[in-house]
Amino acid sequence: MSNELVIVKTTVGAPVENVFAVLADPSSHQAIDGTGWVRESLDGKPLTENGQIFRMAMYHGNHPDGAYEMANKVVALESPSVIAWEPGQAGPEGEIEYGGWIWRYDLAPAGADRTDVTLTYDWSAVPQELRDEIQFPPFPLAHLENSLGHLAQLAEQR
């Protein structure tokens, strides 16, 4: 773990295709999330290509509005081994402004029915003015570990 990157790993008792399918379905992200911030998918479409934007309803008690929306851009998608996105929000003119952090999952088969999962939360591109407002990472490490546990449960149920 560096001062701008957190990496957590686990092994899931499910084939790599099942794990990837859960991650590529934004409607499952609420169940994966360990903080309770992620709500429902607003698009209802699976992630299928780099550059795709998918919107998620969110809630955080410290957010000025409580409820808000994130527009996430897929920045890596190689089925069934890599999926990553960069969260952003609509700016004053409606354009999406990205904060500089990325969620990335790397998946590797660990036998017929097991998958090694590496979750990376990278905030190295967050501008200083945002770092002055928000502490990074904005959650404890346990959030990422819980998230991987939730992902494992969902993938193993498929």
Protein backbone atom coordinates (compact mmCIF):
# COMPACT_ATOMS: atom_id res chain seq x y z
CA MET A 1 0.00 0.00 0.00
CA SER A 2 1.46 3.39 -0.99
CA ASN A 3 0.21 6.76 0.11
CA GLU A 4 -1.94 7.06 -3.05
CA LEU A 5 -2.92 3.46 -3.66
CA VAL A 6 -4.66 0.72 -1.69
CA ILE A 7 -4.60 -2.88 -2.88
CA VAL A 8 -6.55 -5.74 -1.31
CA LYS A 9 -6.72 -9.34 -2.49
CA THR A 10 -8.85 -12.39 -1.97
CA THR A 11 -9.63 -15.72 -3.56
CA VAL A 12 -13.26 -16.30 -4.52
CA GLY A 13 -14.79 -19.78 -4.73
CA ALA A 14 -16.28 -19.18 -8.20
CA PRO A 15 -15.05 -19.25 -11.80
CA VAL A 16 -13.50 -16.05 -13.15
CA GLU A 17 -16.42 -15.59 -15.56
CA ASN A 18 -18.88 -15.46 -12.65
CA VAL A 19 -16.83 -12.87 -10.78
CA PHE A 20 -16.47 -10.73 -13.90
CA ALA A 21 -20.21 -10.98 -14.61
CA VAL A 22 -21.03 -9.61 -11.15
CA LEU A 23 -18.63 -6.68 -11.58
CA ALA A 24 -19.88 -5.94 -15.11
CA ASP A 25 -23.46 -5.63 -13.81
CA PRO A 26 -23.86 -2.21 -12.14
CA SER A 27 -27.13 -3.37 -10.56
CA SER A 28 -24.98 -5.59 -8.30
CA HIS A 29 -22.69 -2.74 -7.15
CA GLN A 30 -24.95 -1.77 -4.25
CA ALA A 31 -24.64 -5.29 -2.87
CA ILE A 32 -20.85 -5.28 -3.38
CA ASP A 33 -20.31 -1.91 -1.67
CA GLY A 34 -19.12 -2.10 1.93
CA THR A 35 -19.99 1.48 2.96
CA GLY A 36 -23.68 1.77 2.18
CA TRP A 37 -22.99 4.77 -0.08
CA VAL A 38 -23.80 3.03 -3.39
CA ARG A 39 -27.48 2.84 -4.27
CA GLU A 40 -29.07 1.59 -7.49
CA SER A 41 -27.86 1.60 -11.08
CA LEU A 42 -29.53 4.41 -12.99
CA ASP A 43 -28.83 2.94 -16.45
CA GLY A 44 -29.57 -0.74 -15.93
CA LYS A 45 -27.05 -1.80 -18.61
CA PRO A 46 -24.09 -4.16 -18.26
CA LEU A 47 -20.58 -2.83 -18.77
CA THR A 48 -19.38 -3.88 -22.21
CA GLU A 49 -16.70 -1.46 -23.47
CA ASN A 50 -14.03 1.07 -22.62
CA GLY A 51 -15.36 4.61 -22.49
CA GLN A 52 -18.86 3.52 -21.48
CA ILE A 53 -20.50 5.76 -18.90
CA PHE A 54 -22.69 4.20 -16.23
CA ARG A 55 -24.55 6.20 -13.63
CA MET A 56 -25.14 5.21 -10.04
CA ALA A 57 -27.35 6.74 -7.36
CA MET A 58 -25.37 7.39 -4.18
CA TYR A 59 -25.97 8.55 -0.62
CA HIS A 60 -23.56 9.91 1.96
CA GLY A 61 -24.54 11.76 5.12
CA ASN A 62 -21.63 14.20 4.73
CA HIS A 63 -22.52 15.10 1.14
CA PRO A 64 -24.19 18.54 0.92
CA ASP A 65 -27.30 17.00 -0.69
CA GLY A 66 -27.16 13.59 1.00
CA ALA A 67 -28.30 11.83 -2.17
CA TYR A 68 -26.25 12.40 -5.30
CA GLU A 69 -25.31 10.74 -8.59
CA MET A 70 -21.99 9.46 -9.92
CA ALA A 71 -21.20 9.10 -13.61
CA ASN A 72 -18.53 6.42 -13.91
CA LYS A 73 -16.41 5.99 -17.05
CA VAL A 74 -15.09 2.51 -17.84
CA VAL A 75 -11.33 2.92 -18.28
CA ALA A 76 -10.37 -0.76 -18.62
CA LEU A 77 -12.48 -3.71 -19.67
CA GLU A 78 -10.95 -7.00 -20.76
CA SER A 79 -13.38 -9.84 -20.17
CA PRO A 80 -12.95 -11.79 -17.93
CA SER A 81 -9.71 -10.45 -16.44
CA VAL A 82 -9.87 -6.65 -15.89
CA ILE A 83 -12.55 -4.08 -15.18
CA ALA A 84 -11.97 -0.52 -13.94
CA TRP A 85 -13.83 2.76 -13.79
CA GLU A 86 -13.23 6.39 -12.92
CA PRO A 87 -16.04 8.09 -10.97
CA GLY A 88 -17.16 11.57 -11.94
CA GLN A 89 -20.01 14.02 -11.44
CA ALA A 90 -21.81 16.47 -13.69
CA GLY A 91 -20.24 19.91 -13.61
CA PRO A 92 -22.02 23.28 -13.89
CA GLU A 93 -22.49 22.93 -17.66
CA GLY A 94 -23.53 19.26 -17.46
CA GLU A 95 -20.12 17.93 -18.53
CA ILE A 96 -18.70 15.11 -16.44
CA GLU A 97 -15.83 16.12 -14.18
CA TYR A 98 -13.68 13.27 -12.90
CA GLY A 99 -12.11 13.39 -9.46
CA GLY A 100 -8.92 11.48 -10.27
CA TRP A 101 -9.56 8.18 -8.48
CA ILE A 102 -10.04 4.76 -10.07
CA TRP A 103 -11.58 1.49 -8.93
CA ARG A 104 -9.86 -1.49 -10.62
CA TYR A 105 -10.43 -5.23 -10.33
CA ASP A 106 -7.90 -7.72 -11.73
CA LEU A 107 -9.13 -11.30 -11.94
CA ALA A 108 -7.09 -14.47 -12.51
CA PRO A 109 -8.26 -18.08 -12.57
CA ALA A 110 -6.98 -20.06 -9.58
CA GLY A 111 -8.28 -23.42 -10.72
CA ALA A 112 -11.58 -24.38 -12.36
CA ASP A 113 -13.84 -22.89 -9.71
CA ARG A 114 -11.66 -20.31 -7.98
CA THR A 115 -10.59 -16.77 -8.86
CA ASP A 116 -7.87 -14.56 -7.42
CA VAL A 117 -9.23 -11.02 -7.16
CA THR A 118 -7.11 -7.91 -6.71
CA LEU A 119 -8.98 -4.69 -5.94
CA THR A 120 -7.02 -1.47 -6.39
CA TYR A 121 -8.25 1.94 -5.27
CA ASP A 122 -5.92 4.51 -6.86
CA TRP A 123 -6.23 8.20 -6.05
CA SER A 124 -2.86 9.30 -7.47
CA ALA A 125 -4.50 11.65 -10.01
CA VAL A 126 -6.68 13.52 -7.49
CA PRO A 127 -5.89 17.25 -7.72
CA GLN A 128 -4.57 19.02 -4.64
CA GLU A 129 -7.63 21.26 -4.24
CA LEU A 130 -9.83 18.16 -3.87
CA ARG A 131 -7.33 16.57 -1.48
CA ASP A 132 -7.64 19.72 0.63
CA GLU A 133 -11.41 19.09 0.93
CA ILE A 134 -11.53 15.27 1.18
CA GLN A 135 -9.20 12.89 2.96
CA PHE A 136 -8.02 10.01 0.73
CA PRO A 137 -8.93 7.31 0.91
CA PRO A 138 -12.30 8.53 2.21
CA PHE A 139 -13.02 5.23 3.97
CA PRO A 140 -11.14 2.70 6.12
CA LEU A 141 -9.30 -0.24 4.56
CA ALA A 142 -11.99 -2.53 6.01
CA HIS A 143 -14.41 -1.12 3.40
CA LEU A 144 -12.39 -2.71 0.61
CA GLU A 145 -12.05 -6.00 2.45
CA ASN A 146 -15.82 -6.05 3.12
CA SER A 147 -16.46 -5.23 -0.52
CA LEU A 148 -14.41 -8.22 -1.67
CA GLY A 149 -16.33 -10.43 0.77
CA HIS A 150 -19.62 -9.23 -0.70
CA LEU A 151 -18.30 -9.79 -4.24
CA ALA A 152 -17.33 -13.34 -3.30
CA GLN A 153 -20.80 -14.09 -1.93
CA LEU A 154 -22.50 -12.82 -5.08
CA ALA A 155 -20.17 -14.66 -7.45
CA GLU A 156 -20.43 -17.90 -5.51
CA GLN A 157 -24.25 -17.73 -5.71
CA ARG A 158 -24.22 -17.48 -9.52
